């Protein structure tokens, strides 16, 4: 993809935001409010590992998966002790990677679903749901309009909810931000579904 930032550039952008006083750990805090420390967490589309590294520091057993080798290289540089896997979420199969499919929580932050190839969203939701233990939570945040996305909007909340229902997931909460502000039909949503 022309113009795509490398993992190092992506990490530098977030580091600059953090140095400027921006809170960079809302996603991790949100997830930590849903499951207790020690829970198994899959960071699906982990990028440079910002969310997963914070969760690991909070005491969670984490696994990161991303397709982008440059992003994973940066994640491994920052936290070489954590398990990082290169895999396409459309083909995600924990058994093939040698990891147990019994996660307490799967998080896909940072517009992971809208950045997939159009039409792949339902399959990814199905695969992420299958990686959850019964009662586990799928937490996904993504933009719904041009102001909240780096690409044209392609996924609506009703389409996402339909994919979740087809994968055996039930909506248990929806928020406007990772700070758990009530959802207001705005341009960004954080959805929590239970298997």
Protein backbone atom coordinates (compact mmCIF):
# COMPACT_ATOMS: atom_id res chain seq x y z
CA UNK A 1 0.00 0.00 0.00
CA UNK A 2 1.71 3.24 -1.13
CA UNK A 3 2.38 5.75 1.61
CA UNK A 4 1.84 3.22 4.38
CA UNK A 5 3.81 4.02 7.52
CA UNK A 6 6.45 1.60 8.75
CA UNK A 7 6.20 0.15 12.23
CA UNK A 8 8.96 2.47 13.40
CA UNK A 9 7.16 5.55 11.99
CA UNK A 10 3.86 4.41 13.49
CA UNK A 11 5.43 3.90 16.93
CA UNK A 12 7.17 7.29 16.71
CA UNK A 13 3.84 8.99 15.97
CA UNK A 14 2.27 7.50 19.11
CA UNK A 15 5.38 8.27 21.18
CA UNK A 16 5.12 11.93 20.12
CA UNK A 17 1.44 11.99 21.11
CA UNK A 18 2.32 10.51 24.51
CA UNK A 19 5.11 13.06 25.02
CA UNK A 20 2.55 15.76 24.23
CA UNK A 21 0.40 14.55 27.12
CA UNK A 22 -2.09 12.45 25.15
CA UNK A 23 -3.32 9.33 26.97
CA UNK A 24 -2.19 6.33 24.94
CA UNK A 25 -3.57 3.58 27.17
CA UNK A 26 -7.35 3.97 27.00
CA UNK A 27 -7.82 0.71 25.11
CA UNK A 28 -5.79 -1.28 27.64
CA UNK A 29 -7.59 0.36 30.58
CA UNK A 30 -10.96 -0.40 28.98
CA UNK A 31 -10.04 -4.09 28.51
CA UNK A 32 -8.63 -4.29 32.05
CA UNK A 33 -12.00 -3.13 33.32
CA UNK A 34 -13.68 -6.14 31.67
CA UNK A 35 -11.46 -9.05 32.77
CA UNK A 36 -9.23 -9.55 35.79
CA UNK A 37 -5.44 -9.53 35.68
CA UNK A 38 -4.09 -12.92 34.67
CA UNK A 39 -6.74 -13.37 31.96
CA UNK A 40 -5.64 -14.48 28.49
CA UNK A 41 -5.91 -11.68 25.93
CA UNK A 42 -5.46 -11.82 22.16
CA UNK A 43 -4.55 -8.50 20.54
CA UNK A 44 -5.84 -9.04 16.99
CA UNK A 45 -4.20 -6.63 14.60
CA UNK A 46 -1.73 -5.66 17.32
CA UNK A 47 0.40 -3.39 15.15
CA UNK A 48 3.42 -2.18 17.11
CA UNK A 49 2.01 -3.69 20.31
CA UNK A 50 1.05 -0.52 22.19
CA UNK A 51 -2.15 -2.01 23.67
CA UNK A 52 -0.74 -5.47 24.33
CA UNK A 53 2.45 -4.22 25.99
CA UNK A 54 0.38 -2.14 28.41
CA UNK A 55 -1.92 -5.08 29.16
CA UNK A 56 1.08 -7.33 29.79
CA UNK A 57 2.47 -4.73 32.20
CA UNK A 58 -0.89 -4.82 34.01
CA UNK A 59 -0.54 -8.59 34.51
CA UNK A 60 -2.43 -10.09 31.56
CA UNK A 61 -1.26 -13.11 29.58
CA UNK A 62 -1.13 -11.67 26.08
CA UNK A 63 -0.65 -12.84 22.51
CA UNK A 64 -0.29 -10.45 19.57
CA UNK A 65 -1.14 -11.17 15.95
CA UNK A 66 -0.64 -8.91 12.95
CA UNK A 67 0.00 -9.32 9.24
CA UNK A 68 2.44 -6.41 8.88
CA UNK A 69 6.05 -7.55 9.39
CA UNK A 70 7.25 -3.97 9.96
CA UNK A 71 4.75 -3.42 12.76
CA UNK A 72 5.69 -6.73 14.40
CA UNK A 73 9.39 -5.91 14.12
CA UNK A 74 8.76 -2.77 16.17
CA UNK A 75 6.60 -4.71 18.67
CA UNK A 76 9.36 -7.28 19.13
CA UNK A 77 11.94 -4.53 19.55
CA UNK A 78 9.85 -2.93 22.33
CA UNK A 79 8.86 -6.18 24.08
CA UNK A 80 10.93 -9.15 22.90
CA UNK A 81 9.69 -11.29 25.80
CA UNK A 82 6.08 -11.26 24.56
CA UNK A 83 4.63 -13.67 21.96
CA UNK A 84 4.13 -11.94 18.60
CA UNK A 85 2.80 -13.84 15.57
CA UNK A 86 2.59 -12.85 11.94
CA UNK A 87 -0.72 -14.03 10.51
CA UNK A 88 -3.57 -12.79 8.35
CA UNK A 89 -6.70 -12.47 10.52
CA UNK A 90 -8.80 -13.77 7.61
CA UNK A 91 -6.93 -17.08 7.98
CA UNK A 92 -6.31 -16.87 11.75
CA UNK A 93 -6.04 -20.34 13.22
CA UNK A 94 -4.60 -20.56 16.75
CA UNK A 95 -3.89 -24.30 16.33
CA UNK A 96 -1.72 -23.59 13.29
CA UNK A 97 0.25 -21.08 15.34
CA UNK A 98 0.54 -23.46 18.28
CA UNK A 99 -1.49 -21.37 20.70
CA UNK A 100 -4.55 -22.36 22.70
CA UNK A 101 -7.91 -21.01 21.50
CA UNK A 102 -9.33 -20.22 24.92
CA UNK A 103 -8.90 -16.47 25.25
CA UNK A 104 -10.86 -14.60 27.90
CA UNK A 105 -10.82 -11.48 25.74
CA UNK A 106 -9.96 -10.65 22.15
CA UNK A 107 -9.38 -6.98 21.37
CA UNK A 108 -9.20 -5.40 17.92
CA UNK A 109 -8.41 -1.72 18.44
CA UNK A 110 -7.26 0.88 15.95
CA UNK A 111 -9.73 0.38 13.10
CA UNK A 112 -8.64 -3.20 12.43
CA UNK A 113 -11.94 -4.26 10.85
CA UNK A 114 -12.39 -1.29 8.47
CA UNK A 115 -8.81 -1.77 7.26
CA UNK A 116 -9.52 -5.34 6.11
CA UNK A 117 -10.32 -6.07 2.50
CA UNK A 118 -14.04 -5.34 2.04
CA UNK A 119 -16.05 -8.52 2.54
CA UNK A 120 -13.53 -10.14 4.92
CA UNK A 121 -15.02 -8.67 8.11
CA UNK A 122 -17.52 -11.48 8.81
CA UNK A 123 -14.85 -14.18 8.40
CA UNK A 124 -12.48 -12.36 10.74
CA UNK A 125 -15.24 -11.95 13.35
CA UNK A 126 -15.99 -15.68 13.03
CA UNK A 127 -12.34 -16.61 13.53
CA UNK A 128 -11.89 -14.25 16.49
CA UNK A 129 -15.06 -15.58 18.10
CA UNK A 130 -13.77 -19.14 17.69
CA UNK A 131 -10.61 -18.14 19.60
CA UNK A 132 -12.68 -17.18 22.67
CA UNK A 133 -13.52 -19.49 25.53
CA UNK A 134 -17.27 -19.77 26.23
CA UNK A 135 -18.24 -16.54 27.96
CA UNK A 136 -15.21 -14.72 26.54
CA UNK A 137 -15.44 -11.17 25.22
CA UNK A 138 -14.73 -9.68 21.80
CA UNK A 139 -13.92 -5.96 22.09
CA UNK A 140 -13.71 -4.02 18.84
CA UNK A 141 -13.37 -0.29 18.28
CA UNK A 142 -13.62 1.34 14.87
CA UNK A 143 -14.60 4.48 13.04
CA UNK A 144 -17.85 4.76 11.16
CA UNK A 145 -17.25 7.93 9.16
CA UNK A 146 -14.51 9.77 7.28
CA UNK A 147 -13.56 11.82 10.35
CA UNK A 148 -12.63 8.64 12.27
CA UNK A 149 -11.08 6.53 9.51
CA UNK A 150 -7.98 6.69 7.30
CA UNK A 151 -9.97 4.94 4.53
CA UNK A 152 -13.50 5.43 3.18
CA UNK A 153 -16.12 3.97 5.56
CA UNK A 154 -17.00 0.42 4.59
CA UNK A 155 -18.49 -1.26 7.66
CA UNK A 156 -21.67 -0.22 9.47
CA UNK A 157 -22.62 -1.16 13.01
CA UNK A 158 -25.64 -3.22 11.83
CA UNK A 159 -23.34 -5.17 9.47
CA UNK A 160 -20.84 -5.70 12.28
CA UNK A 161 -23.57 -6.81 14.69
CA UNK A 162 -24.92 -9.23 12.07
CA UNK A 163 -21.43 -10.76 11.69
CA UNK A 164 -21.18 -11.10 15.46
CA UNK A 165 -24.61 -12.75 15.74
CA UNK A 166 -23.68 -15.19 12.97
CA UNK A 167 -20.51 -16.05 14.93
CA UNK A 168 -22.47 -16.80 18.11
CA UNK A 169 -21.77 -13.50 19.86
CA UNK A 170 -24.20 -11.33 21.83
CA UNK A 171 -23.82 -7.57 22.26
CA UNK A 172 -23.34 -6.67 25.93
CA UNK A 173 -22.20 -3.05 25.61
CA UNK A 174 -21.44 -0.24 23.17
CA UNK A 175 -19.53 2.95 23.88
CA UNK A 176 -18.47 6.09 22.02
CA UNK A 177 -14.89 6.01 23.30
CA UNK A 178 -12.35 3.78 25.01
CA UNK A 179 -13.15 5.81 28.15
CA UNK A 180 -16.58 4.11 28.12
CA UNK A 181 -18.56 7.23 27.24
CA UNK A 182 -22.13 6.23 26.28
CA UNK A 183 -22.59 5.57 22.58
CA UNK A 184 -24.37 8.49 20.96
CA UNK A 185 -24.76 7.39 17.31
CA UNK A 186 -21.49 9.20 16.57
CA UNK A 187 -18.66 8.35 14.23
CA UNK A 188 -16.78 5.93 16.49
CA UNK A 189 -17.95 2.88 18.42
CA UNK A 190 -16.39 0.45 20.87
CA UNK A 191 -18.49 -2.73 20.97
CA UNK A 192 -18.32 -5.54 23.51
CA UNK A 193 -19.78 -8.91 22.51
CA UNK A 194 -19.86 -12.12 24.56
CA UNK A 195 -19.47 -15.63 23.20
